[in-house]
Protein backbone atom coordinates (compact mmCIF):
# COMPACT_ATOMS: atom_id res chain seq x y z
CA MET A 1 103.83 138.05 88.88
CA ARG A 2 106.19 140.78 90.09
CA SER A 3 108.52 138.20 91.68
CA LEU A 4 108.88 136.47 88.25
CA ARG A 5 109.61 139.82 86.52
CA THR A 6 112.12 140.69 89.21
CA PHE A 7 113.86 137.28 88.98
CA ALA A 8 114.08 137.51 85.18
CA ALA A 9 115.45 141.04 85.30
CA LEU A 10 117.99 140.10 87.92
CA ALA A 11 119.15 137.16 85.84
CA MET A 12 119.68 139.47 82.77
CA VAL A 13 121.48 142.02 84.90
CA CYS A 14 123.88 139.52 86.43
CA ALA A 15 124.53 137.90 83.06
CA SER A 16 125.36 141.20 81.27
CA GLY A 17 126.92 143.18 84.14
CA LEU A 18 125.06 146.24 82.95
CA ALA A 19 123.45 148.83 85.26
CA PHE A 20 119.77 148.37 85.90
CA ALA A 21 117.39 151.35 85.60
CA ALA A 22 115.05 150.81 88.52
CA GLU A 23 111.40 151.71 88.16
CA ILE A 24 110.98 154.16 91.04
CA GLU A 25 108.99 157.21 91.59
CA PRO A 26 110.68 160.60 91.01
CA ILE A 27 113.13 161.49 93.77
CA PRO A 28 111.61 164.47 95.65
CA LYS A 29 113.67 167.58 96.27
CA VAL A 30 114.86 168.40 99.81
CA ARG A 31 114.58 171.57 101.87
CA TYR A 32 117.34 171.52 104.45
CA PRO A 33 116.69 173.07 107.92
CA MET A 34 118.93 175.61 109.61
CA LEU A 35 120.79 174.11 112.51
CA ALA A 36 121.05 175.90 115.85
CA LYS A 37 124.32 177.82 116.34
CA ARG A 38 124.69 176.77 119.95
CA ALA A 39 123.27 174.03 122.16
CA SER A 40 123.86 172.60 125.62
CA ALA A 41 123.89 169.07 124.21
CA VAL A 42 124.20 167.48 120.80
CA GLU A 43 120.48 166.70 120.83
CA GLY A 44 119.89 170.47 120.72
CA PHE A 45 121.19 170.60 117.14
CA VAL A 46 118.62 168.08 115.90
CA PRO A 47 115.71 169.83 114.04
CA ALA A 48 112.15 168.61 114.05
CA GLY A 49 111.67 165.73 111.63
CA TRP A 50 115.31 164.67 111.87
CA SER A 51 117.17 162.14 114.06
CA LEU A 52 120.63 161.90 115.52
CA GLU A 53 122.03 158.91 113.63
CA ALA A 54 125.67 158.85 114.70
CA ARG A 55 128.08 160.77 116.89
CA ALA A 56 131.78 160.77 117.80
CA GLU A 57 133.64 162.65 120.52
CA GLY A 58 137.20 163.87 120.62
CA ASP A 59 139.36 166.99 120.56
CA LEU A 60 139.29 168.62 117.11
CA ASP A 61 140.62 172.08 117.79
CA GLY A 62 143.56 171.21 120.00
CA ASP A 63 142.32 172.79 123.23
CA GLY A 64 142.27 169.54 125.15
CA VAL A 65 138.49 169.48 125.50
CA PRO A 66 136.38 166.85 123.73
CA ASP A 67 134.33 168.22 120.79
CA VAL A 68 131.69 166.27 118.87
CA ALA A 69 130.95 165.25 115.29
CA PHE A 70 127.52 163.99 114.37
CA VAL A 71 125.30 162.85 111.53
CA LEU A 72 121.66 163.84 111.24
CA HIS A 73 119.21 161.81 109.14
CA GLY A 74 115.88 163.13 107.83
CA LYS A 75 112.69 161.32 108.71
CA ASP A 76 110.26 162.85 106.22
CA PRO A 77 107.74 160.18 105.08
CA ALA A 78 107.24 162.13 101.84
CA LEU A 79 110.86 161.26 100.88
CA VAL A 80 110.19 157.54 101.07
CA VAL A 81 109.35 156.60 97.46
CA LYS A 82 107.83 153.41 96.00
CA ASN A 83 109.81 151.07 93.78
CA ASP A 84 108.35 148.64 91.24
CA GLY A 85 111.66 147.22 90.06
CA LEU A 86 114.56 145.42 91.64
CA GLY A 87 115.28 145.99 95.28
CA ALA A 88 113.03 146.93 98.22
CA ASP A 89 109.38 147.98 97.64
CA GLU A 90 110.24 151.36 99.22
CA LEU A 91 113.31 153.56 99.07
CA ASP A 92 114.19 156.01 101.85
CA THR A 93 115.75 158.97 100.04
CA ASN A 94 115.93 161.14 103.18
CA PRO A 95 119.18 163.14 103.28
CA ARG A 96 121.91 163.40 105.93
CA ILE A 97 123.85 166.24 107.43
CA LEU A 98 127.43 165.91 108.71
CA ALA A 99 128.30 168.48 111.37
CA VAL A 100 130.94 169.41 113.90
CA ALA A 101 130.35 171.29 117.16
CA LEU A 102 133.09 172.58 119.52
CA ARG A 103 132.89 172.53 123.20
CA ARG A 104 132.88 176.01 124.70
CA GLY A 105 132.43 175.91 128.50
CA ASP A 106 129.11 174.23 129.23
CA ARG A 107 127.77 174.56 125.63
CA PHE A 108 128.61 173.43 122.08
CA GLU A 109 129.07 175.88 119.17
CA LEU A 110 128.30 174.69 115.65
CA ALA A 111 131.58 174.96 113.69
CA ALA A 112 130.91 173.17 110.34
CA GLN A 113 128.29 171.29 108.45
CA ASN A 114 128.07 169.48 105.11
CA LYS A 115 125.08 168.17 103.10
CA THR A 116 126.80 166.46 100.10
CA LEU A 117 129.55 164.09 101.29
CA ILE A 118 127.04 161.48 102.50
CA PRO A 119 124.83 161.07 99.45
CA ARG A 120 121.06 160.41 99.42
CA LEU A 121 120.09 156.79 98.76
CA GLU A 122 118.49 156.99 95.29
CA ASP A 123 119.05 153.52 93.85
CA PRO A 124 117.00 150.54 95.27
CA VAL A 125 119.68 148.02 94.33
CA MET A 126 122.35 149.93 96.24
CA ASP A 127 123.02 149.37 99.93
CA ASP A 128 122.86 152.43 102.25
CA PRO A 129 126.31 154.01 101.87
CA PHE A 130 126.56 155.20 105.46
CA GLU A 131 126.66 152.92 108.50
CA GLY A 132 126.19 154.26 112.07
CA ASP A 133 129.70 153.21 113.18
CA ALA A 134 131.40 154.86 110.21
CA LEU A 135 132.19 158.09 112.12
CA GLU A 136 135.13 158.60 114.50
CA ILE A 137 137.46 161.29 115.89
CA LYS A 138 141.05 160.02 116.21
CA ARG A 139 144.23 161.85 116.86
CA GLY A 140 142.65 165.23 116.26
CA THR A 141 141.00 164.30 112.94
CA LEU A 142 137.48 163.38 111.88
CA ARG A 143 137.06 160.21 109.87
CA VAL A 144 133.99 159.45 107.85
CA SER A 145 133.58 156.19 105.91
CA LEU A 146 131.26 155.33 103.00
CA ARG A 147 130.74 152.15 101.13
CA LEU A 148 129.38 151.05 97.78
CA PHE A 149 127.67 147.70 97.34
CA MET A 150 125.20 146.90 94.53
CA SER A 151 122.93 143.84 94.69
CA ALA A 152 122.59 144.09 90.95
CA GLY A 153 124.00 146.09 88.00
CA GLY A 154 127.64 146.28 89.16
CA TRP A 155 130.50 144.12 90.26
CA THR A 156 132.58 146.74 91.97
CA THR A 157 132.39 147.23 95.71
CA PHE A 158 134.49 149.65 97.67
CA ARG A 159 134.89 151.42 101.05
CA SER A 160 136.23 155.03 101.18
CA THR A 161 137.45 156.72 104.37
CA PHE A 162 137.87 160.47 104.47
CA THR A 163 140.17 162.03 107.05
CA PHE A 164 139.42 165.73 107.84
CA ARG A 165 141.23 168.30 109.93
CA LEU A 166 139.51 171.38 111.26
CA ASP A 167 141.43 174.60 110.41
CA GLU A 168 141.51 177.83 112.32
CA GLY A 169 138.65 179.16 110.31
CA ARG A 170 136.47 176.27 111.40
CA LYS A 171 136.63 174.64 107.95
CA LEU A 172 136.85 170.89 107.42
CA ASN A 173 139.67 170.08 105.04
CA LEU A 174 140.51 166.66 103.69
CA VAL A 175 144.10 165.61 104.61
CA GLY A 176 143.87 161.88 104.04
CA PHE A 177 141.93 159.47 101.81
CA ASP A 178 141.75 155.70 101.85
CA LYS A 179 139.87 153.54 99.35
CA SER A 180 139.71 149.77 99.17
CA THR A 181 138.07 148.38 96.02
CA PHE A 182 137.16 144.76 95.23
CA GLU A 183 135.88 143.41 91.90
CA ARG A 184 133.50 140.54 92.65
CA ASN A 185 133.63 139.05 89.19
CA THR A 186 137.47 138.84 88.87
CA GLY A 187 138.60 138.85 92.53
CA GLU A 188 140.96 141.71 91.94
CA GLY A 189 141.51 144.14 94.77
CA LYS A 190 143.08 147.56 95.12
CA THR A 191 143.85 149.84 98.13
CA VAL A 192 144.80 153.47 97.79
CA SER A 193 146.03 155.37 100.90
CA ALA A 194 146.75 158.99 100.17
CA ASN A 195 148.26 161.62 102.43
CA LEU A 196 147.60 165.07 101.14
CA LEU A 197 149.89 166.74 103.66
CA ILE A 198 153.01 165.13 102.16
CA GLY A 199 151.58 164.53 98.64
CA ARG A 200 152.15 160.76 98.53
CA ALA A 201 149.91 157.72 98.03
CA ARG A 202 150.54 154.05 98.76
CA ILE A 203 148.83 151.76 96.27
CA GLU A 204 148.46 148.03 96.79
CA THR A 205 146.94 145.67 94.21
CA GLU A 206 146.09 141.99 94.49
CA ARG A 207 145.16 139.79 91.56
CA ASP A 208 145.66 136.30 93.07
CA GLY A 209 145.14 135.47 96.68
CA ARG A 210 148.07 133.15 96.52
CA ALA A 211 150.51 135.79 95.40
CA PRO A 212 151.79 138.66 97.60
CA PRO A 213 150.21 142.02 96.82
CA ALA A 214 152.08 144.51 94.63
CA VAL A 215 152.93 147.73 96.38
CA ARG A 216 154.02 151.04 94.85
CA TRP A 217 154.07 154.72 95.68
CA ARG A 218 152.76 157.67 93.64
CA SER A 219 152.50 161.40 93.97
CA VAL A 220 149.19 163.19 94.70
CA PRO A 221 148.46 166.92 95.07
CA LYS A 222 150.06 168.25 98.21
CA ARG A 223 147.24 170.40 99.49
CA ALA A 224 144.33 169.90 101.79
CA LEU A 225 140.96 169.96 100.06
CA PRO A 226 137.92 171.77 101.55
CA ILE A 227 135.05 169.40 102.19
CA GLU A 228 132.84 171.52 99.90
CA ALA A 229 135.03 170.58 96.97
CA LEU A 230 134.51 166.88 97.38
CA GLY A 231 130.82 166.67 96.41
CA ASN A 232 129.17 163.24 96.60
CA GLY A 233 131.64 161.06 98.54
CA LEU A 234 130.93 157.98 96.48
CA ASP A 235 132.00 159.83 93.32
CA PHE A 236 135.24 161.09 94.81
CA ASN A 237 138.50 159.40 93.96
CA LEU A 238 142.11 160.21 94.64
CA ASP A 239 143.80 157.35 92.74
CA PRO A 240 146.77 158.76 90.83
CA GLU A 241 146.58 155.78 88.43
CA GLY A 242 142.90 156.51 87.58
């Protein structure tokens, strides 16, 4: 019976393009643990009930020694809720923590952490926004990627990449932002690449795969943004055209 209800609901959602309110249990609140200030290995920052989901190594503070960025994922079974609507039968709403630790001799020191950029998964028709390979350190910057894909209730899909630089106060600041959006119903695509250090953004749009993309440049605020100001990374946008 449920499969028939689900099929009918999915058909109506796809036909209308409207968002679907999934029938899920209330999303439980989270109590975040305190991370260790120092550890001899990255695993030493992982609290009980959490797992090390992703890690990347590279020099972030310019001292020539590889540092580490990592993502922790909660494993609390109480945060896995039941779903009686579209999507999977269960939804893992466990949160993630993004953190950076600097190498100091034979140990690592915790330099920064953030609990909001990578959002909790709270919609059963949305794919997990974070993939394990979406974290890297490149040319002295930390890059974190998120993606949005809805199996129902929305045609828009996108991938956002945040480029952070660690300042002298051990704060992560956004210095670059890239977002590629694709409309599955119309085939239209748009890519925004913003450099906050120079205050410029390159915008490329494509409406017909047979025609060359249109490229233009726009101004964006010329200032680095602290990671705390970004909030939920899926909601953040830096498109000067809206």
